[in-house]
Protein backbone atom coordinates (compact mmCIF):
# COMPACT_ATOMS: atom_id res chain seq x y z
CA MET A 1 17.67 4.98 55.42
CA VAL A 2 17.80 1.88 53.52
CA ARG A 3 14.19 1.54 53.02
CA LYS A 4 13.96 5.14 51.88
CA LYS A 5 16.73 4.71 49.36
CA GLY A 6 14.93 1.64 48.01
CA LYS A 7 11.81 3.34 47.58
CA GLU A 8 13.45 6.27 45.82
CA GLU A 9 15.09 3.63 43.47
CA GLU A 10 11.94 2.13 42.74
CA ARG A 11 10.31 5.66 41.98
CA GLU A 12 13.26 6.39 39.59
CA LYS A 13 12.62 3.19 37.82
CA GLU A 14 9.14 3.91 37.26
CA ARG A 15 10.07 7.45 36.07
CA GLU A 16 12.46 5.90 33.44
CA LYS A 17 9.81 3.58 32.25
CA GLY A 18 7.29 6.37 31.89
CA ARG A 19 9.94 8.22 29.80
CA GLU A 20 10.56 5.15 27.74
CA ARG A 21 6.76 4.85 27.06
CA LEU A 22 6.46 8.35 26.08
CA GLU A 23 9.60 8.06 23.68
CA LEU A 24 8.13 4.76 22.22
CA MET A 25 4.64 6.59 21.65
CA ALA A 26 6.37 9.45 19.93
CA GLY A 27 8.43 7.33 17.63
CA GLU A 28 5.27 5.16 16.88
CA GLU A 29 3.31 8.19 15.96
CA GLU A 30 6.12 9.65 13.76
CA THR A 31 6.47 6.32 12.01
CA PHE A 32 2.85 4.92 11.80
CA LEU A 33 0.52 7.58 12.44
CA ARG A 34 1.60 10.32 9.95
CA ALA A 35 -1.72 10.35 8.14
CA LYS A 36 -3.82 12.57 10.14
CA HIS A 37 -6.61 15.24 9.36
CA ARG A 38 -6.79 13.71 5.82
CA THR A 39 -3.08 14.82 5.10
CA PHE A 40 0.29 13.21 5.67
CA SER A 41 2.86 14.85 7.95
CA GLY A 42 6.06 15.79 6.03
CA LEU A 43 4.39 15.23 2.53
CA THR A 44 2.24 18.23 2.44
CA GLU A 45 1.26 20.65 -0.43
CA ALA A 46 3.13 23.38 1.11
CA ALA A 47 6.36 21.55 1.21
CA GLU A 48 6.08 19.12 -1.96
CA ARG A 49 3.93 21.30 -4.47
CA GLN A 50 6.53 21.88 -7.02
CA TRP A 51 7.86 19.29 -9.50
CA SER A 52 11.42 18.62 -8.51
CA GLY A 53 12.45 16.06 -11.14
CA PRO A 54 12.29 12.25 -11.35
CA PHE A 55 12.12 10.22 -8.31
CA CYS A 56 11.47 6.65 -6.98
CA PHE A 57 9.07 5.16 -4.65
CA ILE A 58 8.19 1.63 -3.32
CA GLN A 59 4.84 -0.01 -3.56
CA ALA A 60 4.16 -2.93 -1.26
CA ALA A 61 1.20 -5.04 -0.72
CA ASP A 62 -0.11 -7.76 1.78
CA PRO A 63 2.75 -8.40 4.29
CA GLN A 64 -0.47 -10.18 5.90
CA LEU A 65 1.37 -11.78 8.95
CA GLY A 66 -0.33 -15.09 9.64
CA LEU A 67 -1.40 -15.97 6.19
CA MET A 68 1.28 -18.45 5.03
CA LYS A 69 0.58 -21.14 7.74
CA ALA A 70 -3.09 -20.75 7.28
CA TRP A 71 -2.72 -21.31 3.57
CA ARG A 72 -0.55 -24.53 4.06
CA ASP A 73 -3.28 -25.79 6.44
CA SER A 74 -5.99 -24.89 3.79
CA ASN A 75 -7.67 -22.67 6.48
CA CYS A 76 -7.37 -19.22 5.13
CA ASP A 77 -10.42 -18.33 7.01
CA SER A 78 -8.52 -18.83 10.15
CA ASP A 79 -6.87 -15.83 11.78
CA GLY A 80 -3.37 -17.35 11.48
CA ASP A 81 -1.62 -18.65 14.64
CA GLU A 82 1.95 -18.39 13.39
CA TRP A 83 3.73 -15.76 11.44
CA ALA A 84 7.47 -16.10 11.92
CA GLU A 85 7.93 -16.61 8.09
CA GLU A 86 6.09 -13.39 7.10
CA VAL A 87 8.22 -11.41 9.70
CA GLU A 88 11.47 -12.86 8.16
CA LEU A 89 10.35 -12.08 4.59
CA THR A 90 9.37 -8.42 5.83
CA LYS A 91 12.81 -8.01 7.45
CA GLN A 92 14.35 -9.01 4.09
CA ALA A 93 12.15 -6.56 2.35
CA VAL A 94 13.04 -3.74 4.68
CA GLU A 95 16.78 -4.42 4.42
CA ALA A 96 16.45 -4.33 0.53
CA VAL A 97 14.60 -1.04 0.54
CA ASN A 98 17.22 0.52 2.90
CA HIS A 99 19.85 -0.35 0.45
CA LEU A 100 18.20 1.25 -2.59
CA ARG A 101 20.10 4.20 -4.26
CA PRO A 102 18.70 6.81 -4.84
CA ARG A 103 16.62 6.69 -1.60
CA PRO A 104 12.82 6.16 -2.44
CA ARG A 105 10.92 9.20 -1.63
CA PHE A 106 8.44 6.87 0.17
CA MET A 107 7.02 3.27 0.68
CA VAL A 108 3.22 2.63 0.48
CA LEU A 109 1.82 -0.65 1.75
CA CYS A 110 -1.43 -1.35 0.01
CA GLY A 111 -3.36 -3.10 2.46
CA ASP A 112 -3.80 -6.35 4.30
CA LEU A 113 -0.97 -5.60 6.81
CA VAL A 114 -1.94 -8.67 8.97
CA HIS A 115 -4.15 -11.65 8.40
CA ALA A 116 -6.16 -11.61 11.53
CA LEU A 117 -9.59 -9.73 11.07
CA PRO A 118 -10.86 -7.34 13.37
CA GLY A 119 -11.99 -8.79 16.63
CA SER A 120 -9.34 -11.65 16.59
CA SER A 121 -7.15 -12.26 19.61
CA TYR A 122 -4.24 -12.54 17.16
CA LYS A 123 -4.63 -9.27 15.41
CA GLU A 124 -2.77 -7.00 18.03
CA LEU A 125 0.07 -9.39 18.15
CA GLN A 126 0.42 -9.47 14.41
CA GLU A 127 0.27 -5.69 14.10
CA ARG A 128 2.78 -5.35 17.04
CA ASP A 129 5.35 -7.70 15.27
CA LEU A 130 4.89 -5.89 11.96
CA LYS A 131 5.45 -2.60 13.48
CA ALA A 132 8.60 -4.02 15.10
CA VAL A 133 9.95 -4.95 11.67
CA LEU A 134 8.86 -1.88 9.91
CA THR A 135 10.51 0.37 12.32
CA GLY A 136 13.64 -0.88 10.73
CA THR A 137 12.96 1.12 7.79
CA ASP A 138 15.38 4.02 7.14
CA PRO A 139 13.77 7.10 8.71
CA SER A 140 14.19 9.09 5.59
CA ILE A 141 11.61 6.71 3.84
CA PRO A 142 8.09 7.55 5.04
CA LEU A 143 5.81 4.69 5.33
CA VAL A 144 2.30 5.17 3.73
CA PHE A 145 -0.45 2.80 4.87
CA VAL A 146 -3.52 1.77 2.93
CA SER A 147 -6.34 -0.23 4.51
CA GLY A 148 -7.30 -3.65 3.20
CA ASN A 149 -10.19 -6.04 3.87
CA HIS A 150 -8.16 -7.96 6.51
CA ASP A 151 -7.48 -4.63 8.26
CA LEU A 152 -11.11 -3.39 8.37
CA GLY A 153 -13.20 -6.53 7.70
CA ASN A 154 -14.77 -7.42 4.30
CA THR A 155 -17.83 -5.36 5.66
CA PRO A 156 -16.11 -2.66 7.75
CA THR A 157 -17.82 -1.24 10.80
CA PRO A 158 -17.45 2.31 12.46
CA SER A 159 -15.59 0.30 15.24
CA SER A 160 -13.07 -1.50 12.94
CA VAL A 161 -12.37 1.76 11.11
CA GLU A 162 -11.64 3.55 14.40
CA GLN A 163 -9.23 0.73 15.49
CA TYR A 164 -7.41 0.82 12.16
CA CYS A 165 -6.94 4.48 12.40
CA LYS A 166 -5.55 4.24 15.99
CA CYS A 167 -3.26 1.78 14.72
CA TRP A 168 -2.12 2.99 11.16
CA GLY A 169 -3.58 6.51 10.71
CA ASP A 170 -6.36 7.91 8.64
CA ASP A 171 -7.94 5.32 6.41
CA TYR A 172 -8.21 7.84 3.45
CA PHE A 173 -6.07 10.98 2.87
CA SER A 174 -4.03 12.82 0.15
CA PHE A 175 -0.40 13.78 0.09
CA TRP A 176 2.17 15.52 -2.12
CA VAL A 177 5.66 14.40 -3.14
CA GLY A 178 7.80 16.18 -5.57
CA GLY A 179 5.00 17.73 -7.50
CA VAL A 180 3.10 14.59 -7.57
CA PHE A 181 -0.59 14.42 -6.10
CA CYS A 182 -1.42 11.17 -4.35
CA LEU A 183 -4.75 9.86 -3.18
CA VAL A 184 -5.09 6.92 -0.70
CA LEU A 185 -8.59 5.58 -0.60
CA ASN A 186 -10.61 3.04 1.47
CA SER A 187 -11.75 0.58 -1.13
CA GLN A 188 -13.65 -1.46 1.32
CA PHE A 189 -16.17 1.46 1.35
CA PHE A 190 -16.62 0.86 -2.24
CA PHE A 191 -16.87 -2.85 -1.84
CA ASP A 192 -19.49 -3.08 1.14
CA ALA A 193 -20.33 0.00 3.28
CA MET A 194 -23.60 -1.60 4.46
CA ALA A 195 -22.39 -1.24 8.12
CA CYS A 196 -20.98 2.25 7.94
CA PRO A 197 -22.76 4.13 5.20
CA GLU A 198 -22.09 7.64 6.81
CA LEU A 199 -18.40 6.96 6.79
CA SER A 200 -18.63 5.87 3.04
CA LYS A 201 -20.49 9.08 2.12
CA ALA A 202 -17.96 11.09 4.00
CA GLN A 203 -15.11 9.56 1.64
CA GLU A 204 -17.19 10.13 -1.39
CA ALA A 205 -17.72 13.80 -0.40
CA TRP A 206 -14.01 14.33 0.38
CA LEU A 207 -13.05 12.57 -2.90
CA GLU A 208 -15.16 14.76 -4.98
CA GLU A 209 -13.67 17.85 -3.20
CA GLN A 210 -10.21 16.56 -3.82
CA LEU A 211 -10.69 15.77 -7.62
CA SER A 212 -12.60 19.06 -8.10
CA ARG A 213 -9.93 21.01 -6.48
CA VAL A 214 -6.90 19.39 -8.18
CA THR A 215 -8.34 19.64 -11.76
CA THR A 216 -8.88 23.42 -11.31
CA MET A 217 -5.41 24.26 -9.71
CA GLU A 218 -2.60 25.86 -11.49
CA PRO A 219 -0.12 24.76 -12.15
CA LYS A 220 -1.46 21.28 -12.55
CA PRO A 221 0.12 18.50 -10.54
CA LYS A 222 2.83 16.64 -12.73
CA HIS A 223 1.19 13.25 -11.88
CA ILE A 224 -1.89 12.07 -9.91
CA LEU A 225 -1.63 8.59 -8.30
CA VAL A 226 -4.48 6.69 -6.47
CA PHE A 227 -3.48 4.01 -4.03
CA GLN A 228 -6.10 1.51 -2.85
CA HIS A 229 -6.35 -2.12 -1.81
CA ILE A 230 -9.10 -3.53 -4.18
CA PRO A 231 -8.58 -2.92 -7.94
CA LEU A 232 -11.38 -1.36 -9.94
CA TYR A 233 -11.05 -4.34 -12.35
CA ILE A 234 -8.58 -7.05 -13.25
CA GLU A 235 -8.78 -7.67 -16.99
CA SER A 236 -11.48 -5.47 -18.35
CA PRO A 237 -13.75 -2.56 -17.12
CA ASN A 238 -16.83 -4.67 -18.25
CA GLU A 239 -15.84 -7.91 -16.51
CA GLU A 240 -18.36 -9.39 -14.16
CA ASP A 241 -18.45 -8.83 -10.39
CA ASP A 242 -16.02 -10.80 -8.40
CA TYR A 243 -14.37 -11.03 -5.00
CA PHE A 244 -11.13 -9.36 -6.37
CA ASN A 245 -12.61 -6.42 -8.04
CA LEU A 246 -15.06 -3.79 -7.35
CA GLN A 247 -18.70 -4.10 -8.28
CA LYS A 248 -19.47 -3.08 -11.98
CA ALA A 249 -21.67 -0.03 -11.00
CA THR A 250 -19.06 1.21 -8.61
CA ARG A 251 -16.35 0.58 -10.93
CA LYS A 252 -18.27 2.45 -13.88
CA ARG A 253 -18.95 5.47 -11.45
CA LEU A 254 -15.31 5.82 -10.39
CA LEU A 255 -13.88 5.20 -13.85
CA ASP A 256 -16.18 7.97 -15.32
CA ARG A 257 -15.18 10.35 -12.48
CA PHE A 258 -11.41 9.84 -12.79
CA LYS A 259 -11.63 10.18 -16.61
CA GLN A 260 -13.68 13.32 -16.24
CA ALA A 261 -11.04 14.74 -13.87
CA GLY A 262 -8.23 13.65 -16.21
CA GLU A 263 -9.74 15.20 -19.32
CA ARG A 264 -10.44 18.39 -17.49
CA LYS A 265 -6.75 18.24 -16.41
CA SER A 266 -5.46 18.04 -19.93
CA ARG A 267 -5.78 15.93 -22.83
CA LEU A 268 -3.29 13.15 -22.02
CA LYS A 269 -2.23 9.91 -23.79
CA LEU A 270 -2.43 7.57 -20.85
CA LYS A 271 -1.38 3.87 -20.68
CA GLU A 272 -3.45 0.99 -19.22
CA LEU A 273 -1.11 -1.35 -17.53
CA HIS A 274 -1.91 -4.51 -15.48
CA ILE A 275 0.71 -6.27 -13.61
CA ASN A 276 -0.08 -9.57 -12.04
CA SER A 277 2.51 -11.22 -9.83
CA ILE A 278 1.79 -14.13 -7.58
CA GLY A 279 4.22 -16.37 -5.55
CA SER A 280 4.75 -18.53 -2.65
CA ASN A 281 7.77 -20.04 -1.06
CA GLY A 282 9.92 -18.99 -3.80
CA GLU A 283 7.88 -20.20 -6.70
CA PRO A 284 5.26 -18.43 -8.68
CA GLN A 285 1.73 -19.68 -8.54
CA ARG A 286 0.61 -17.83 -11.72
CA ALA A 287 2.75 -16.32 -14.35
CA PRO A 288 2.84 -12.57 -14.33
CA GLU A 289 0.81 -11.07 -17.15
CA THR A 290 1.66 -7.56 -18.71
CA LYS A 291 -0.48 -5.60 -20.95
CA ALA A 292 0.14 -2.23 -22.19
CA GLU A 293 -2.06 -0.01 -24.58
CA SER A 294 -2.04 3.66 -25.28
CA HIS A 295 -5.35 5.62 -25.22
CA GLU A 296 -6.46 9.04 -25.04
CA GLY A 297 -8.19 10.07 -21.85
CA LYS A 298 -8.12 6.81 -20.20
CA LEU A 299 -7.03 6.24 -16.55
CA GLY A 300 -3.84 4.52 -16.15
CA PHE A 301 -3.62 1.44 -13.93
CA VAL A 302 -0.73 -0.50 -12.29
CA THR A 303 -2.36 -3.33 -10.39
CA CYS A 304 -0.71 -6.18 -8.33
CA LEU A 305 -2.85 -9.15 -7.82
CA ASN A 306 -2.78 -12.08 -5.32
CA LEU A 307 -5.23 -14.60 -6.55
CA TRP A 308 -3.66 -17.75 -5.15
CA THR A 309 -4.29 -19.62 -8.45
CA ARG A 310 -2.06 -22.67 -8.21
CA PHE A 311 -0.11 -22.45 -11.57
CA ARG A 312 3.46 -22.85 -11.62
CA ASN A 313 5.61 -21.56 -14.66
CA ARG A 314 9.36 -22.42 -14.15
CA MET A 315 10.50 -20.94 -17.27
CA PHE A 316 9.06 -17.42 -16.50
CA TRP A 317 10.56 -18.11 -12.89
CA SER A 318 14.04 -18.62 -14.33
CA TRP A 319 13.61 -15.50 -16.41
CA ILE A 320 12.61 -13.45 -13.45
CA LYS A 321 15.80 -14.68 -11.58
CA ARG A 322 17.97 -13.67 -14.50
CA LEU A 323 16.27 -10.11 -14.47
CA CYS A 324 17.03 -9.56 -10.80
CA PRO A 325 20.41 -7.65 -11.15
CA LEU A 326 18.68 -5.34 -13.62
CA TRP A 327 15.34 -4.51 -11.74
CA GLU A 328 16.04 -0.89 -11.35
CA ARG A 329 16.30 -0.29 -15.16
CA SER A 330 13.47 -2.57 -16.23
CA SER A 331 10.70 -0.50 -17.98
CA LEU A 332 7.12 -1.06 -16.84
CA GLN A 333 5.44 2.00 -18.49
CA ARG A 334 7.30 4.24 -20.90
CA GLY A 335 7.21 7.77 -19.87
CA SER A 336 5.89 7.31 -16.41
CA CYS A 337 6.95 4.21 -14.30
CA GLN A 338 10.18 2.31 -14.33
CA GLY A 339 11.08 -0.75 -12.04
CA LEU A 340 10.67 -4.33 -11.66
CA PHE A 341 7.78 -5.72 -9.65
CA ALA A 342 7.37 -8.41 -6.98
CA SER A 343 4.32 -9.14 -4.77
CA LYS A 344 4.06 -10.22 -1.28
CA LEU A 345 5.54 -13.77 -1.07
CA ILE A 346 7.75 -14.03 -4.12
CA ILE A 347 10.95 -13.15 -2.20
CA SER A 348 11.04 -16.10 0.23
CA THR A 349 13.76 -17.72 -1.93
CA TYR A 350 14.81 -14.66 -4.01
CA PRO A 351 15.41 -11.78 -1.69
CA ASP A 352 17.33 -9.92 -4.56
CA LEU A 353 13.84 -8.95 -5.78
CA ALA A 354 13.48 -6.84 -2.60
CA GLY A 355 10.05 -8.45 -2.49
CA HIS A 356 6.78 -7.09 -1.02
CA ARG A 357 7.24 -4.24 -3.36
CA ARG A 358 7.62 -2.86 -6.72
CA ALA A 359 9.88 0.20 -7.32
CA MET A 360 8.34 2.93 -9.46
CA ARG A 361 10.33 5.71 -11.13
CA ILE A 362 8.26 8.86 -11.79
CA ASN A 363 9.42 11.22 -14.49
CA GLY A 364 8.06 14.41 -16.01
CA SER A 365 5.37 12.89 -18.37
CA PRO A 366 2.08 13.56 -16.84
CA CYS A 367 -0.26 10.56 -16.16
CA TRP A 368 -3.16 9.28 -13.92
CA CYS A 369 -2.10 5.92 -12.24
CA THR A 370 -4.07 3.87 -9.67
CA LEU A 371 -1.96 1.35 -7.76
CA SER A 372 -3.70 -1.35 -5.74
CA ALA A 373 -3.45 -4.90 -4.45
CA THR A 374 -6.38 -7.39 -4.44
CA ASN A 375 -7.76 -8.79 -1.09
């Protein structure tokens, strides 16, 4: 009888473990795998097609667990064997986002989720720890994931794309939120698709279909936002090819296509806005630069860069610290976006910035806008 009871207890423990695994899988799918079949669960056209007034969202970039120690060791090509600092920073960011009022409608992470490249023994561990932290995000704030070069590899392969999708959901998709149409793109296909040409062609065909459809629908979306990891350009559409931008031919093709879609959509006065914010261990490495011009028919950009240029500007940093309490009211782009910006490592000393993120306030003035983070 004792032996039988012991076996029954063991079986019950196994059943309990099985139930816990199923609950964990269901929770992970709800949090991290909402991008499926090129759409996003909960932020669909059927539910979010109508403009419902101004709202806020969070743009984050490059949590990149494993980078900080690799950077200090002057060995950024390594996969990063320690990432406790990045975990702590991400916790601070999550806590700050959870305290925002009004609640952001979503938070998008624009790539380089972890530092380890595909095939590294550290990658799964870094992804596990990042997910553990992000699980603390308020459930009412959907997490939208964008693929970066550290997620897929500088030259993505069918295998690396498949592994990414299993972990974070589709690598490109669209979603709606409050009457705003959003596109999430896999910019690695634009950068180097040599190892997966068919996958790249599939995204191109899908993007063309999305742009054609959205520019003919009535009523038009109030805004169209494009999220990707690598920006089309940094300073000028005519700048030379670089590791941190898309090649000139690809850049021109995409700009022309976006511009064409925007002009068919309506004759808008759009703004070109670049925001560069770089920091490490509480100090900036390059002073942020802000440019704003008004042009008719141009694509609007909000771009966050991480160029690792070692340049310190303490005067600017003091100014940023004074601005901290006012970040929700700081204007980035008149008529379309409001908020203060902070890129990935800037909050290590100043969590008030709710780092790893910029907050954007979207109102009723139509615009195109791409949001990205460099690799």
